[in-house]
Every structure is written in C-alpha cells, then in structure tokens.
Amino acid sequence: MQTALRDLAFYRDKLKSMIEPELRLPAGSLICDRNLSEYGLDSIVALTIAGDLEDELRIQLPPTLLWDYPTVDDLAGYLCRTVEQVGAPA
C-alpha cells in the first residue's frame, strides 16, 4: 500500500510538472482534483501531454487520455495502475 501511495505521488508530481508549463500556469498552482478543462486544456495540449507520456513511459496510451481522466488525481491513478499492469518503467 505504501508503494502505491508513493507511486501515486510520483505520478501527480510528474503530471503537474508536465501540465503546468503547457497551460502556462505558475509552478505549484495546479490543483490535483480540479478538472483540467477549467485551466484551459484543449485538444492540442491534451494530445501533446499524452504523446509525451507515451514517450517517457514507453507504453501506448489512448489519445483521449486527458478527457477520460480529467484531473491530475484521476490521471495519476490511471497511470499507476497501467504501468503496474504492463510492467513499464516509470
């Protein structure tokens, strides 16, 4: 359980560091349980982030990823589960 919580925190931090610059937000300002569309997420940014995650994690992700998991918390949970299932490097 502790490992899962640590992994979840890792993915939250990773996602925030990827998403904040794309949305031109100050570092540390993204609230993890707030819908990313409220920050101005559009399809171009969503596809960019999904592609960057695919490259970094070396797994295939759906292009609708950020719409299917619209908050950092939702997305971090999904990534945690998915990476564990496929055994991809974090």
N, C-alpha and C. Protein backbone atom coordinates (compact mmCIF):
# COMPACT_ATOMS: atom_id res chain seq x y z
N MET A 1 0.82 -1.20 0.00
CA MET A 1 0.00 0.00 0.00
C MET A 1 0.86 1.26 0.00
N GLN A 2 1.94 1.28 0.79
CA GLN A 2 2.81 2.44 0.82
C GLN A 2 3.46 2.68 -0.54
N THR A 3 3.83 1.62 -1.21
CA THR A 3 4.43 1.75 -2.53
C THR A 3 3.43 2.38 -3.49
N ALA A 4 2.18 1.96 -3.43
CA ALA A 4 1.15 2.52 -4.31
C ALA A 4 0.96 4.00 -4.04
N LEU A 5 0.96 4.39 -2.77
CA LEU A 5 0.82 5.81 -2.43
C LEU A 5 2.03 6.61 -2.92
N ARG A 6 3.21 6.03 -2.77
CA ARG A 6 4.43 6.70 -3.24
C ARG A 6 4.38 6.85 -4.76
N ASP A 7 3.94 5.79 -5.46
CA ASP A 7 3.84 5.86 -6.91
C ASP A 7 2.81 6.90 -7.34
N LEU A 8 1.69 6.96 -6.62
CA LEU A 8 0.65 7.93 -6.94
C LEU A 8 1.20 9.35 -6.79
N ALA A 9 1.93 9.60 -5.72
CA ALA A 9 2.54 10.92 -5.51
C ALA A 9 3.56 11.22 -6.61
N PHE A 10 4.32 10.21 -7.03
CA PHE A 10 5.29 10.37 -8.10
C PHE A 10 4.59 10.82 -9.39
N TYR A 11 3.50 10.14 -9.73
CA TYR A 11 2.79 10.49 -10.97
C TYR A 11 2.10 11.84 -10.87
N ARG A 12 1.57 12.18 -9.70
CA ARG A 12 0.99 13.53 -9.52
C ARG A 12 2.05 14.60 -9.79
N ASP A 13 3.22 14.43 -9.17
CA ASP A 13 4.29 15.41 -9.35
C ASP A 13 4.75 15.48 -10.81
N LYS A 14 4.90 14.32 -11.44
CA LYS A 14 5.31 14.27 -12.84
C LYS A 14 4.29 14.97 -13.73
N LEU A 15 3.02 14.68 -13.50
CA LEU A 15 1.97 15.28 -14.32
C LEU A 15 1.91 16.78 -14.12
N LYS A 16 2.00 17.22 -12.89
CA LYS A 16 1.98 18.66 -12.64
C LYS A 16 3.14 19.35 -13.34
N SER A 17 4.31 18.75 -13.31
CA SER A 17 5.48 19.37 -13.94
C SER A 17 5.35 19.37 -15.47
N MET A 18 4.57 18.46 -16.03
CA MET A 18 4.35 18.43 -17.48
C MET A 18 3.21 19.37 -17.90
N ILE A 19 2.16 19.41 -17.10
CA ILE A 19 0.95 20.13 -17.48
C ILE A 19 1.05 21.62 -17.21
N GLU A 20 1.61 22.00 -16.09
CA GLU A 20 1.67 23.43 -15.74
C GLU A 20 2.33 24.27 -16.83
N PRO A 21 3.49 23.89 -17.35
CA PRO A 21 4.09 24.72 -18.41
C PRO A 21 3.24 24.74 -19.69
N GLU A 22 2.64 23.60 -20.03
CA GLU A 22 1.81 23.54 -21.24
C GLU A 22 0.61 24.49 -21.15
N LEU A 23 0.08 24.65 -19.94
CA LEU A 23 -1.07 25.52 -19.74
C LEU A 23 -0.66 26.91 -19.28
N ARG A 24 0.66 27.14 -19.26
CA ARG A 24 1.22 28.43 -18.84
C ARG A 24 0.76 28.83 -17.43
N LEU A 25 0.83 27.85 -16.54
CA LEU A 25 0.47 28.07 -15.15
C LEU A 25 1.74 28.18 -14.31
N PRO A 26 1.71 28.98 -13.25
CA PRO A 26 2.87 29.03 -12.35
C PRO A 26 3.10 27.66 -11.70
N ALA A 27 4.35 27.33 -11.50
CA ALA A 27 4.71 26.06 -10.86
C ALA A 27 4.01 25.95 -9.51
N GLY A 28 3.41 24.80 -9.27
CA GLY A 28 2.75 24.54 -8.00
C GLY A 28 1.33 25.05 -7.90
N SER A 29 0.79 25.61 -8.98
CA SER A 29 -0.55 26.20 -8.91
C SER A 29 -1.67 25.24 -9.32
N LEU A 30 -1.33 24.14 -9.94
CA LEU A 30 -2.33 23.19 -10.42
C LEU A 30 -2.92 22.41 -9.24
N ILE A 31 -4.24 22.41 -9.13
CA ILE A 31 -4.93 21.68 -8.07
C ILE A 31 -5.30 20.31 -8.62
N CYS A 32 -4.86 19.26 -7.95
CA CYS A 32 -4.92 17.90 -8.48
C CYS A 32 -6.31 17.34 -8.67
N ASP A 33 -7.31 17.85 -7.94
CA ASP A 33 -8.65 17.31 -8.12
C ASP A 33 -9.56 18.25 -8.91
N ARG A 34 -8.98 19.23 -9.56
CA ARG A 34 -9.74 20.17 -10.39
C ARG A 34 -9.66 19.72 -11.85
N ASN A 35 -10.78 19.79 -12.55
CA ASN A 35 -10.84 19.38 -13.95
C ASN A 35 -9.89 20.25 -14.78
N LEU A 36 -9.06 19.60 -15.58
CA LEU A 36 -8.06 20.31 -16.37
C LEU A 36 -8.68 21.25 -17.39
N SER A 37 -9.90 20.97 -17.82
CA SER A 37 -10.55 21.87 -18.77
C SER A 37 -10.81 23.24 -18.14
N GLU A 38 -10.92 23.29 -16.82
CA GLU A 38 -11.10 24.57 -16.13
C GLU A 38 -9.85 25.45 -16.22
N TYR A 39 -8.71 24.83 -16.50
CA TYR A 39 -7.46 25.57 -16.67
C TYR A 39 -7.21 25.94 -18.13
N GLY A 40 -8.12 25.53 -19.00
CA GLY A 40 -7.96 25.85 -20.41
C GLY A 40 -7.37 24.73 -21.25
N LEU A 41 -7.39 23.51 -20.75
CA LEU A 41 -6.90 22.37 -21.52
C LEU A 41 -7.67 22.28 -22.83
N ASP A 42 -6.95 22.18 -23.92
CA ASP A 42 -7.60 21.97 -25.22
C ASP A 42 -7.05 20.69 -25.84
N SER A 43 -7.57 20.33 -26.99
CA SER A 43 -7.20 19.04 -27.60
C SER A 43 -5.73 19.00 -27.99
N ILE A 44 -5.17 20.11 -28.41
CA ILE A 44 -3.76 20.13 -28.81
C ILE A 44 -2.86 19.85 -27.60
N VAL A 45 -3.13 20.53 -26.50
CA VAL A 45 -2.34 20.30 -25.28
C VAL A 45 -2.56 18.87 -24.77
N ALA A 46 -3.80 18.39 -24.81
CA ALA A 46 -4.10 17.04 -24.34
C ALA A 46 -3.32 16.00 -25.15
N LEU A 47 -3.28 16.16 -26.46
CA LEU A 47 -2.54 15.22 -27.31
C LEU A 47 -1.04 15.33 -27.08
N THR A 48 -0.55 16.54 -26.86
CA THR A 48 0.87 16.74 -26.59
C THR A 48 1.28 16.02 -25.31
N ILE A 49 0.50 16.19 -24.27
CA ILE A 49 0.81 15.57 -22.98
C ILE A 49 0.71 14.05 -23.09
N ALA A 50 -0.33 13.55 -23.74
CA ALA A 50 -0.47 12.10 -23.91
C ALA A 50 0.72 11.53 -24.68
N GLY A 51 1.14 12.23 -25.74
CA GLY A 51 2.30 11.78 -26.51
C GLY A 51 3.58 11.81 -25.69
N ASP A 52 3.77 12.87 -24.91
CA ASP A 52 4.96 12.95 -24.05
C ASP A 52 4.97 11.82 -23.01
N LEU A 53 3.81 11.51 -22.46
CA LEU A 53 3.72 10.41 -21.50
C LEU A 53 4.03 9.08 -22.17
N GLU A 54 3.53 8.87 -23.38
CA GLU A 54 3.84 7.64 -24.11
C GLU A 54 5.35 7.50 -24.31
N ASP A 55 5.98 8.58 -24.72
CA ASP A 55 7.43 8.55 -24.95
C ASP A 55 8.19 8.24 -23.67
N GLU A 56 7.80 8.91 -22.60
CA GLU A 56 8.53 8.75 -21.34
C GLU A 56 8.29 7.38 -20.70
N LEU A 57 7.05 6.92 -20.73
CA LEU A 57 6.72 5.66 -20.08
C LEU A 57 6.88 4.45 -20.99
N ARG A 58 7.03 4.70 -22.27
CA ARG A 58 7.17 3.65 -23.29
C ARG A 58 5.99 2.68 -23.28
N ILE A 59 4.80 3.27 -23.20
CA ILE A 59 3.56 2.50 -23.32
C ILE A 59 2.63 3.26 -24.25
N GLN A 60 1.68 2.54 -24.83
CA GLN A 60 0.70 3.17 -25.69
C GLN A 60 -0.47 3.65 -24.84
N LEU A 61 -0.85 4.89 -25.07
CA LEU A 61 -1.96 5.48 -24.33
C LEU A 61 -3.00 5.99 -25.31
N PRO A 62 -4.27 6.01 -24.91
CA PRO A 62 -5.30 6.49 -25.82
C PRO A 62 -5.19 8.00 -26.04
N PRO A 63 -5.49 8.47 -27.24
CA PRO A 63 -5.42 9.91 -27.50
C PRO A 63 -6.43 10.70 -26.67
N THR A 64 -7.45 10.03 -26.16
CA THR A 64 -8.47 10.69 -25.33
C THR A 64 -8.11 10.66 -23.84
N LEU A 65 -6.88 10.31 -23.53
CA LEU A 65 -6.44 10.09 -22.15
C LEU A 65 -6.85 11.21 -21.19
N LEU A 66 -6.56 12.45 -21.54
CA LEU A 66 -6.83 13.56 -20.63
C LEU A 66 -8.30 13.94 -20.58
N TRP A 67 -9.07 13.44 -21.52
CA TRP A 67 -10.53 13.65 -21.45
C TRP A 67 -11.15 12.51 -20.64
N ASP A 68 -10.60 11.31 -20.75
CA ASP A 68 -11.10 10.17 -19.99
C ASP A 68 -10.76 10.29 -18.50
N TYR A 69 -9.64 10.91 -18.20
CA TYR A 69 -9.16 11.11 -16.83
C TYR A 69 -8.90 12.60 -16.67
N PRO A 70 -9.93 13.38 -16.36
CA PRO A 70 -9.86 14.84 -16.49
C PRO A 70 -9.17 15.61 -15.37
N THR A 71 -8.74 14.93 -14.32
CA THR A 71 -7.99 15.61 -13.26
C THR A 71 -6.62 14.95 -13.11
N VAL A 72 -5.71 15.66 -12.50
CA VAL A 72 -4.38 15.08 -12.24
C VAL A 72 -4.53 13.84 -11.36
N ASP A 73 -5.39 13.90 -10.36
CA ASP A 73 -5.60 12.73 -9.49
C ASP A 73 -6.10 11.53 -10.29
N ASP A 74 -7.10 11.76 -11.15
CA ASP A 74 -7.63 10.66 -11.97
C ASP A 74 -6.55 10.08 -12.88
N LEU A 75 -5.83 10.96 -13.51
CA LEU A 75 -4.80 10.54 -14.46
C LEU A 75 -3.65 9.83 -13.77
N ALA A 76 -3.24 10.33 -12.62
CA ALA A 76 -2.16 9.68 -11.85
C ALA A 76 -2.57 8.28 -11.43
N GLY A 77 -3.80 8.12 -10.99
CA GLY A 77 -4.29 6.80 -10.62
C GLY A 77 -4.29 5.84 -11.80
N TYR A 78 -4.75 6.32 -12.94
CA TYR A 78 -4.77 5.50 -14.15
C TYR A 78 -3.34 5.08 -14.54
N LEU A 79 -2.42 6.03 -14.54
CA LEU A 79 -1.04 5.72 -14.92
C LEU A 79 -0.42 4.72 -13.95
N CYS A 80 -0.68 4.90 -12.68
CA CYS A 80 -0.15 3.99 -11.66
C CYS A 80 -0.61 2.56 -11.94
N ARG A 81 -1.90 2.40 -12.18
CA ARG A 81 -2.45 1.07 -12.46
C ARG A 81 -1.93 0.50 -13.77
N THR A 82 -1.89 1.33 -14.80
CA THR A 82 -1.49 0.88 -16.12
C THR A 82 -0.02 0.47 -16.16
N VAL A 83 0.84 1.28 -15.60
CA VAL A 83 2.27 0.97 -15.59
C VAL A 83 2.52 -0.30 -14.79
N GLU A 84 1.80 -0.47 -13.70
CA GLU A 84 1.96 -1.69 -12.90
C GLU A 84 1.53 -2.92 -13.71
N GLN A 85 0.44 -2.82 -14.44
CA GLN A 85 -0.08 -3.94 -15.23
C GLN A 85 0.87 -4.34 -16.35
N VAL A 86 1.41 -3.35 -17.07
CA VAL A 86 2.26 -3.67 -18.21
C VAL A 86 3.73 -3.79 -17.83
N GLY A 87 4.05 -3.40 -16.59
CA GLY A 87 5.43 -3.52 -16.14
C GLY A 87 6.37 -2.54 -16.83
N ALA A 88 5.84 -1.40 -17.26
CA ALA A 88 6.67 -0.39 -17.92
C ALA A 88 7.50 0.35 -16.88
N PRO A 89 8.65 0.86 -17.30
CA PRO A 89 9.47 1.63 -16.38
C PRO A 89 8.84 2.98 -16.09
N ALA A 90 8.91 3.44 -14.86
CA ALA A 90 8.34 4.73 -14.50
C ALA A 90 9.37 5.82 -14.66
